[in-house]
Amino acid sequence: MWLEVDGFCDLLNSFWNERNVTSPSSFILAKKLNVLKTKLKEWTGDVFGHLEFKMANLVEEVNSLDEKEQQQSLSLSLSGR
């Protein structure tokens, strides 16, 4: 999903190159990965919104339509046909 967003690779490069730390290589890698994780979580929330919330709303909507269908036939506009 991330790779389909225009400019994601450039953004990833900027996150990765943002911090220049002079320390042992393993410490630098760990620190950069930690910063990258935080930045990607923030970016994902900004770009895609809260997916769990959106998914819960969609599941609720589908369940509501299922209940309506059980009570009566859905119109063509509601059934998506």
PDB file of N, CA and C in Angstrom:
ATOM      1  N   MET A   1       0.824  -1.172   0.000  1.00  0.00           N
ATOM      2  CA  MET A   1       0.000   0.000   0.000  1.00  0.00           C
ATOM      3  C   MET A   1       0.882   1.256   0.000  1.00  0.00           C
ATOM      4  N   TRP A   2       1.938   1.249   0.807  1.00  0.00           N
ATOM      5  CA  TRP A   2       2.822   2.410   0.878  1.00  0.00           C
ATOM      6  C   TRP A   2       3.496   2.675  -0.460  1.00  0.00           C
ATOM      7  N   LEU A   3       3.911   1.604  -1.131  1.00  0.00           N
ATOM      8  CA  LEU A   3       4.661   1.762  -2.374  1.00  0.00           C
ATOM      9  C   LEU A   3       3.824   2.355  -3.499  1.00  0.00           C
ATOM     10  N   GLU A   4       2.494   2.329  -3.355  1.00  0.00           N
ATOM     11  CA  GLU A   4       1.622   2.884  -4.378  1.00  0.00           C
ATOM     12  C   GLU A   4       1.447   4.400  -4.239  1.00  0.00           C
ATOM     13  N   VAL A   5       1.916   4.980  -3.137  1.00  0.00           N
ATOM     14  CA  VAL A   5       1.792   6.422  -2.913  1.00  0.00           C
ATOM     15  C   VAL A   5       2.952   7.127  -3.605  1.00  0.00           C
ATOM     16  N   ASP A   6       2.608   8.091  -4.456  1.00  0.00           N
ATOM     17  CA  ASP A   6       3.641   8.855  -5.152  1.00  0.00           C
ATOM     18  C   ASP A   6       4.563   9.543  -4.153  1.00  0.00           C
ATOM     19  N   GLY A   7       5.849   9.420  -4.379  1.00  0.00           N
ATOM     20  CA  GLY A   7       6.835  10.086  -3.540  1.00  0.00           C
ATOM     21  C   GLY A   7       7.207   9.337  -2.276  1.00  0.00           C
ATOM     22  N   PHE A   8       6.663   8.125  -2.075  1.00  0.00           N
ATOM     23  CA  PHE A   8       6.968   7.389  -0.849  1.00  0.00           C
ATOM     24  C   PHE A   8       8.456   7.072  -0.728  1.00  0.00           C
ATOM     25  N   CYS A   9       9.068   6.636  -1.802  1.00  0.00           N
ATOM     26  CA  CYS A   9      10.501   6.281  -1.747  1.00  0.00           C
ATOM     27  C   CYS A   9      11.356   7.500  -1.401  1.00  0.00           C
ATOM     28  N   ASP A  10      11.014   8.646  -1.952  1.00  0.00           N
ATOM     29  CA  ASP A  10      11.744   9.876  -1.615  1.00  0.00           C
ATOM     30  C   ASP A  10      11.555  10.225  -0.142  1.00  0.00           C
ATOM     31  N   LEU A  11      10.340  10.076   0.337  1.00  0.00           N
ATOM     32  CA  LEU A  11      10.044  10.336   1.743  1.00  0.00           C
ATOM     33  C   LEU A  11      10.824   9.381   2.641  1.00  0.00           C
ATOM     34  N   LEU A  12      10.865   8.115   2.260  1.00  0.00           N
ATOM     35  CA  LEU A  12      11.605   7.112   3.013  1.00  0.00           C
ATOM     36  C   LEU A  12      13.092   7.469   3.068  1.00  0.00           C
ATOM     37  N   ASN A  13      13.633   7.885   1.946  1.00  0.00           N
ATOM     38  CA  ASN A  13      15.036   8.310   1.918  1.00  0.00           C
ATOM     39  C   ASN A  13      15.283   9.501   2.825  1.00  0.00           C
ATOM     40  N   SER A  14      14.356  10.455   2.820  1.00  0.00           N
ATOM     41  CA  SER A  14      14.552  11.636   3.671  1.00  0.00           C
ATOM     42  C   SER A  14      14.469  11.257   5.146  1.00  0.00           C
ATOM     43  N   PHE A  15      13.551  10.350   5.511  1.00  0.00           N
ATOM     44  CA  PHE A  15      13.482   9.879   6.900  1.00  0.00           C
ATOM     45  C   PHE A  15      14.784   9.194   7.292  1.00  0.00           C
ATOM     46  N   TRP A  16      15.265   8.331   6.411  1.00  0.00           N
ATOM     47  CA  TRP A  16      16.452   7.531   6.720  1.00  0.00           C
ATOM     48  C   TRP A  16      17.694   8.406   6.861  1.00  0.00           C
ATOM     49  N   ASN A  17      17.815   9.408   6.017  1.00  0.00           N
ATOM     50  CA  ASN A  17      19.005  10.263   6.017  1.00  0.00           C
ATOM     51  C   ASN A  17      18.887  11.466   6.948  1.00  0.00           C
ATOM     52  N   GLU A  18      17.795  11.574   7.653  1.00  0.00           N
ATOM     53  CA  GLU A  18      17.538  12.727   8.516  1.00  0.00           C
ATOM     54  C   GLU A  18      18.538  12.849   9.656  1.00  0.00           C
ATOM     55  N   ARG A  19      18.916  11.761  10.232  1.00  0.00           N
ATOM     56  CA  ARG A  19      19.811  11.796  11.392  1.00  0.00           C
ATOM     57  C   ARG A  19      21.203  11.312  11.013  1.00  0.00           C
ATOM     58  N   ASN A  20      22.172  12.122  11.319  1.00  0.00           N
ATOM     59  CA  ASN A  20      23.561  11.726  11.118  1.00  0.00           C
ATOM     60  C   ASN A  20      24.198  11.578  12.493  1.00  0.00           C
ATOM     61  N   VAL A  21      24.380  10.347  12.897  1.00  0.00           N
ATOM     62  CA  VAL A  21      24.917  10.045  14.217  1.00  0.00           C
ATOM     63  C   VAL A  21      26.289   9.423  14.038  1.00  0.00           C
ATOM     64  N   THR A  22      27.228   9.855  14.833  1.00  0.00           N
ATOM     65  CA  THR A  22      28.559   9.239  14.773  1.00  0.00           C
ATOM     66  C   THR A  22      28.691   8.325  15.987  1.00  0.00           C
ATOM     67  N   SER A  23      28.443   7.078  15.769  1.00  0.00           N
ATOM     68  CA  SER A  23      28.488   6.044  16.798  1.00  0.00           C
ATOM     69  C   SER A  23      28.809   4.727  16.114  1.00  0.00           C
ATOM     70  N   PRO A  24      28.921   3.659  16.893  1.00  0.00           N
ATOM     71  CA  PRO A  24      29.125   2.345  16.267  1.00  0.00           C
ATOM     72  C   PRO A  24      27.985   2.024  15.294  1.00  0.00           C
ATOM     73  N   SER A  25      28.325   1.300  14.253  1.00  0.00           N
ATOM     74  CA  SER A  25      27.362   0.996  13.185  1.00  0.00           C
ATOM     75  C   SER A  25      26.083   0.356  13.695  1.00  0.00           C
ATOM     76  N   SER A  26      26.196  -0.581  14.623  1.00  0.00           N
ATOM     77  CA  SER A  26      25.004  -1.259  15.129  1.00  0.00           C
ATOM     78  C   SER A  26      24.089  -0.283  15.866  1.00  0.00           C
ATOM     79  N   PHE A  27      24.657   0.664  16.590  1.00  0.00           N
ATOM     80  CA  PHE A  27      23.860   1.668  17.294  1.00  0.00           C
ATOM     81  C   PHE A  27      23.162   2.592  16.294  1.00  0.00           C
ATOM     82  N   ILE A  28      23.881   2.994  15.256  1.00  0.00           N
ATOM     83  CA  ILE A  28      23.307   3.869  14.226  1.00  0.00           C
ATOM     84  C   ILE A  28      22.127   3.176  13.548  1.00  0.00           C
ATOM     85  N   LEU A  29      22.306   1.905  13.182  1.00  0.00           N
ATOM     86  CA  LEU A  29      21.244   1.152  12.524  1.00  0.00           C
ATOM     87  C   LEU A  29      20.020   1.052  13.432  1.00  0.00           C
ATOM     88  N   ALA A  30      20.225   0.692  14.681  1.00  0.00           N
ATOM     89  CA  ALA A  30      19.112   0.552  15.620  1.00  0.00           C
ATOM     90  C   ALA A  30      18.384   1.880  15.803  1.00  0.00           C
ATOM     91  N   LYS A  31      19.123   2.952  15.941  1.00  0.00           N
ATOM     92  CA  LYS A  31      18.534   4.273  16.134  1.00  0.00           C
ATOM     93  C   LYS A  31      17.745   4.710  14.902  1.00  0.00           C
ATOM     94  N   LYS A  32      18.323   4.505  13.720  1.00  0.00           N
ATOM     95  CA  LYS A  32      17.636   4.886  12.485  1.00  0.00           C
ATOM     96  C   LYS A  32      16.361   4.071  12.281  1.00  0.00           C
ATOM     97  N   LEU A  33      16.410   2.773  12.583  1.00  0.00           N
ATOM     98  CA  LEU A  33      15.215   1.943  12.445  1.00  0.00           C
ATOM     99  C   LEU A  33      14.119   2.389  13.410  1.00  0.00           C
ATOM    100  N   ASN A  34      14.509   2.760  14.618  1.00  0.00           N
ATOM    101  CA  ASN A  34      13.546   3.229  15.605  1.00  0.00           C
ATOM    102  C   ASN A  34      12.887   4.532  15.150  1.00  0.00           C
ATOM    103  N   VAL A  35      13.690   5.467  14.661  1.00  0.00           N
ATOM    104  CA  VAL A  35      13.159   6.737  14.161  1.00  0.00           C
ATOM    105  C   VAL A  35      12.270   6.492  12.946  1.00  0.00           C
ATOM    106  N   LEU A  36      12.705   5.616  12.046  1.00  0.00           N
ATOM    107  CA  LEU A  36      11.936   5.301  10.849  1.00  0.00           C
ATOM    108  C   LEU A  36      10.574   4.711  11.220  1.00  0.00           C
ATOM    109  N   LYS A  37      10.549   3.819  12.179  1.00  0.00           N
ATOM    110  CA  LYS A  37       9.296   3.206  12.637  1.00  0.00           C
ATOM    111  C   LYS A  37       8.320   4.284  13.110  1.00  0.00           C
ATOM    112  N   THR A  38       8.791   5.202  13.923  1.00  0.00           N
ATOM    113  CA  THR A  38       7.947   6.281  14.445  1.00  0.00           C
ATOM    114  C   THR A  38       7.436   7.168  13.320  1.00  0.00           C
ATOM    115  N   LYS A  39       8.334   7.563  12.422  1.00  0.00           N
ATOM    116  CA  LYS A  39       7.960   8.439  11.310  1.00  0.00           C
ATOM    117  C   LYS A  39       6.939   7.765  10.386  1.00  0.00           C
ATOM    118  N   LEU A  40       7.131   6.462  10.105  1.00  0.00           N
ATOM    119  CA  LEU A  40       6.207   5.755   9.223  1.00  0.00           C
ATOM    120  C   LEU A  40       4.823   5.621   9.851  1.00  0.00           C
ATOM    121  N   LYS A  41       4.772   5.421  11.155  1.00  0.00           N
ATOM    122  CA  LYS A  41       3.475   5.356  11.831  1.00  0.00           C
ATOM    123  C   LYS A  41       2.745   6.691  11.708  1.00  0.00           C
ATOM    124  N   GLU A  42       3.451   7.785  11.922  1.00  0.00           N
ATOM    125  CA  GLU A  42       2.852   9.118  11.804  1.00  0.00           C
ATOM    126  C   GLU A  42       2.391   9.364  10.369  1.00  0.00           C
ATOM    127  N   TRP A  43       3.254   9.067   9.419  1.00  0.00           N
ATOM    128  CA  TRP A  43       2.949   9.292   8.010  1.00  0.00           C
ATOM    129  C   TRP A  43       1.744   8.452   7.581  1.00  0.00           C
ATOM    130  N   THR A  44       1.705   7.192   7.996  1.00  0.00           N
ATOM    131  CA  THR A  44       0.593   6.317   7.637  1.00  0.00           C
ATOM    132  C   THR A  44      -0.724   6.881   8.162  1.00  0.00           C
ATOM    133  N   GLY A  45      -0.717   7.357   9.394  1.00  0.00           N
ATOM    134  CA  GLY A  45      -1.919   7.964   9.949  1.00  0.00           C
ATOM    135  C   GLY A  45      -2.350   9.188   9.179  1.00  0.00           C
ATOM    136  N   ASP A  46      -1.386  10.008   8.755  1.00  0.00           N
ATOM    137  CA  ASP A  46      -1.700  11.222   7.998  1.00  0.00           C
ATOM    138  C   ASP A  46      -2.230  10.911   6.604  1.00  0.00           C
ATOM    139  N   VAL A  47      -1.616   9.946   5.938  1.00  0.00           N
ATOM    140  CA  VAL A  47      -1.957   9.656   4.545  1.00  0.00           C
ATOM    141  C   VAL A  47      -3.193   8.763   4.419  1.00  0.00           C
ATOM    142  N   PHE A  48      -3.249   7.709   5.214  1.00  0.00           N
ATOM    143  CA  PHE A  48      -4.318   6.729   5.073  1.00  0.00           C
ATOM    144  C   PHE A  48      -5.402   6.859   6.134  1.00  0.00           C
ATOM    145  N   GLY A  49      -5.153   7.640   7.148  1.00  0.00           N
ATOM    146  CA  GLY A  49      -6.121   7.731   8.237  1.00  0.00           C
ATOM    147  C   GLY A  49      -6.006   6.518   9.139  1.00  0.00           C
ATOM    148  N   HIS A  50      -6.943   6.393  10.001  1.00  0.00           N
ATOM    149  CA  HIS A  50      -6.927   5.273  10.943  1.00  0.00           C
ATOM    150  C   HIS A  50      -7.670   4.095  10.321  1.00  0.00           C
ATOM    151  N   LEU A  51      -6.905   3.175   9.759  1.00  0.00           N
ATOM    152  CA  LEU A  51      -7.484   2.075   8.996  1.00  0.00           C
ATOM    153  C   LEU A  51      -8.367   1.168   9.835  1.00  0.00           C
ATOM    154  N   GLU A  52      -8.009   0.951  11.101  1.00  0.00           N
ATOM    155  CA  GLU A  52      -8.820   0.091  11.956  1.00  0.00           C
ATOM    156  C   GLU A  52     -10.216   0.693  12.132  1.00  0.00           C
ATOM    157  N   PHE A  53     -10.270   2.008  12.326  1.00  0.00           N
ATOM    158  CA  PHE A  53     -11.542   2.703  12.484  1.00  0.00           C
ATOM    159  C   PHE A  53     -12.359   2.627  11.198  1.00  0.00           C
ATOM    160  N   LYS A  54     -11.712   2.862  10.068  1.00  0.00           N
ATOM    161  CA  LYS A  54     -12.404   2.794   8.782  1.00  0.00           C
ATOM    162  C   LYS A  54     -12.930   1.388   8.525  1.00  0.00           C
ATOM    163  N   MET A  55     -12.116   0.379   8.844  1.00  0.00           N
ATOM    164  CA  MET A  55     -12.514  -1.009   8.625  1.00  0.00           C
ATOM    165  C   MET A  55     -13.707  -1.366   9.514  1.00  0.00           C
ATOM    166  N   ALA A  56     -13.680  -0.936  10.768  1.00  0.00           N
ATOM    167  CA  ALA A  56     -14.789  -1.213  11.681  1.00  0.00           C
ATOM    168  C   ALA A  56     -16.080  -0.581  11.157  1.00  0.00           C
ATOM    169  N   ASN A  57     -15.998   0.641  10.625  1.00  0.00           N
ATOM    170  CA  ASN A  57     -17.180   1.294  10.063  1.00  0.00           C
ATOM    171  C   ASN A  57     -17.717   0.547   8.848  1.00  0.00           C
ATOM    172  N   LEU A  58     -16.806   0.069   7.998  1.00  0.00           N
ATOM    173  CA  LEU A  58     -17.245  -0.673   6.816  1.00  0.00           C
ATOM    174  C   LEU A  58     -17.892  -2.009   7.200  1.00  0.00           C
ATOM    175  N   VAL A  59     -17.335  -2.686   8.187  1.00  0.00           N
ATOM    176  CA  VAL A  59     -17.913  -3.950   8.656  1.00  0.00           C
ATOM    177  C   VAL A  59     -19.308  -3.697   9.233  1.00  0.00           C
ATOM    178  N   GLU A  60     -19.441  -2.618   9.981  1.00  0.00           N
ATOM    179  CA  GLU A  60     -20.745  -2.255  10.543  1.00  0.00           C
ATOM    180  C   GLU A  60     -21.761  -1.973   9.437  1.00  0.00           C
ATOM    181  N   GLU A  61     -21.323  -1.283   8.396  1.00  0.00           N
ATOM    182  CA  GLU A  61     -22.207  -0.986   7.271  1.00  0.00           C
ATOM    183  C   GLU A  61     -22.644  -2.262   6.545  1.00  0.00           C
ATOM    184  N   VAL A  62     -21.702  -3.181   6.333  1.00  0.00           N
ATOM    185  CA  VAL A  62     -22.033  -4.453   5.677  1.00  0.00           C
ATOM    186  C   VAL A  62     -23.008  -5.245   6.539  1.00  0.00           C
ATOM    187  N   ASN A  63     -22.772  -5.274   7.842  1.00  0.00           N
ATOM    188  CA  ASN A  63     -23.679  -5.994   8.740  1.00  0.00           C
ATOM    189  C   ASN A  63     -25.081  -5.394   8.702  1.00  0.00           C
ATOM    190  N   SER A  64     -25.152  -4.077   8.644  1.00  0.00           N
ATOM    191  CA  SER A  64     -26.445  -3.393   8.559  1.00  0.00           C
ATOM    192  C   SER A  64     -27.170  -3.768   7.270  1.00  0.00           C
ATOM    193  N   LEU A  65     -26.447  -3.787   6.171  1.00  0.00           N
ATOM    194  CA  LEU A  65     -27.057  -4.180   4.888  1.00  0.00           C
ATOM    195  C   LEU A  65     -27.493  -5.639   4.905  1.00  0.00           C
ATOM    196  N   ASP A  66     -26.705  -6.504   5.552  1.00  0.00           N
ATOM    197  CA  ASP A  66     -27.091  -7.916   5.680  1.00  0.00           C
ATOM    198  C   ASP A  66     -28.401  -8.052   6.451  1.00  0.00           C
ATOM    199  N   GLU A  67     -28.538  -7.274   7.523  1.00  0.00           N
ATOM    200  CA  GLU A  67     -29.776  -7.315   8.309  1.00  0.00           C
ATOM    201  C   GLU A  67     -30.966  -6.836   7.480  1.00  0.00           C
ATOM    202  N   LYS A  68     -30.768  -5.748   6.726  1.00  0.00           N
ATOM    203  CA  LYS A  68     -31.843  -5.231   5.880  1.00  0.00           C
ATOM    204  C   LYS A  68     -32.239  -6.257   4.830  1.00  0.00           C
ATOM    205  N   GLU A  69     -31.240  -6.946   4.280  1.00  0.00           N
ATOM    206  CA  GLU A  69     -31.527  -7.933   3.247  1.00  0.00           C
ATOM    207  C   GLU A  69     -32.321  -9.098   3.822  1.00  0.00           C
ATOM    208  N   GLN A  70     -32.039  -9.471   5.055  1.00  0.00           N
ATOM    209  CA  GLN A  70     -32.771 -10.568   5.679  1.00  0.00           C
ATOM    210  C   GLN A  70     -34.228 -10.183   5.934  1.00  0.00           C
ATOM    211  N   GLN A  71     -34.473  -8.897   6.210  1.00  0.00           N
ATOM    212  CA  GLN A  71     -35.824  -8.428   6.481  1.00  0.00           C
ATOM    213  C   GLN A  71     -36.614  -8.214   5.205  1.00  0.00           C
ATOM    214  N   GLN A  72     -35.945  -7.787   4.146  1.00  0.00           N
ATOM    215  CA  GLN A  72     -36.579  -7.519   2.876  1.00  0.00           C
ATOM    216  C   GLN A  72     -35.537  -7.540   1.775  1.00  0.00           C
ATOM    217  N   SER A  73     -35.965  -7.629   0.557  1.00  0.00           N
ATOM    218  CA  SER A  73     -35.025  -7.586  -0.562  1.00  0.00           C
ATOM    219  C   SER A  73     -34.426  -6.196  -0.661  1.00  0.00           C
ATOM    220  N   LEU A  74     -33.125  -6.134  -0.914  1.00  0.00           N
ATOM    221  CA  LEU A  74     -32.478  -4.845  -1.105  1.00  0.00           C
ATOM    222  C   LEU A  74     -32.809  -4.286  -2.471  1.00  0.00           C
ATOM    223  N   SER A  75     -32.925  -2.976  -2.558  1.00  0.00           N
ATOM    224  CA  SER A  75     -33.117  -2.345  -3.860  1.00  0.00           C
ATOM    225  C   SER A  75     -31.816  -2.490  -4.649  1.00  0.00           C
ATOM    226  N   LEU A  76     -31.917  -2.275  -5.945  1.00  0.00           N
ATOM    227  CA  LEU A  76     -30.719  -2.398  -6.788  1.00  0.00           C
ATOM    228  C   LEU A  76     -29.636  -1.422  -6.358  1.00  0.00           C
ATOM    229  N   SER A  77     -30.017  -0.225  -5.918  1.00  0.00           N
ATOM    230  CA  SER A  77     -29.009   0.768  -5.510  1.00  0.00           C
ATOM    231  C   SER A  77     -28.282   0.319  -4.253  1.00  0.00           C
ATOM    232  N   LEU A  78     -28.956  -0.324  -3.317  1.00  0.00           N
ATOM    233  CA  LEU A  78     -28.315  -0.803  -2.098  1.00  0.00           C
ATOM    234  C   LEU A  78     -27.505  -2.072  -2.309  1.00  0.00           C
ATOM    235  N   SER A  79     -27.940  -2.908  -3.245  1.00  0.00           N
ATOM    236  CA  SER A  79     -27.220  -4.165  -3.457  1.00  0.00           C
ATOM    237  C   SER A  79     -25.963  -3.983  -4.288  1.00  0.00           C
ATOM    238  N   GLY A  80     -25.804  -2.823  -4.940  1.00  0.00           N
ATOM    239  CA  GLY A  80     -24.594  -2.550  -5.697  1.00  0.00           C
ATOM    240  C   GLY A  80     -24.596  -3.177  -7.081  1.00  0.00           C
ATOM    241  N   ARG A  81     -25.739  -3.600  -7.548  1.00  0.00           N
ATOM    242  CA  ARG A  81     -25.808  -4.226  -8.874  1.00  0.00           C
ATOM    243  C   ARG A  81     -26.114  -3.234  -9.935  1.00  0.00           C
TER     244      ARG A  81
END
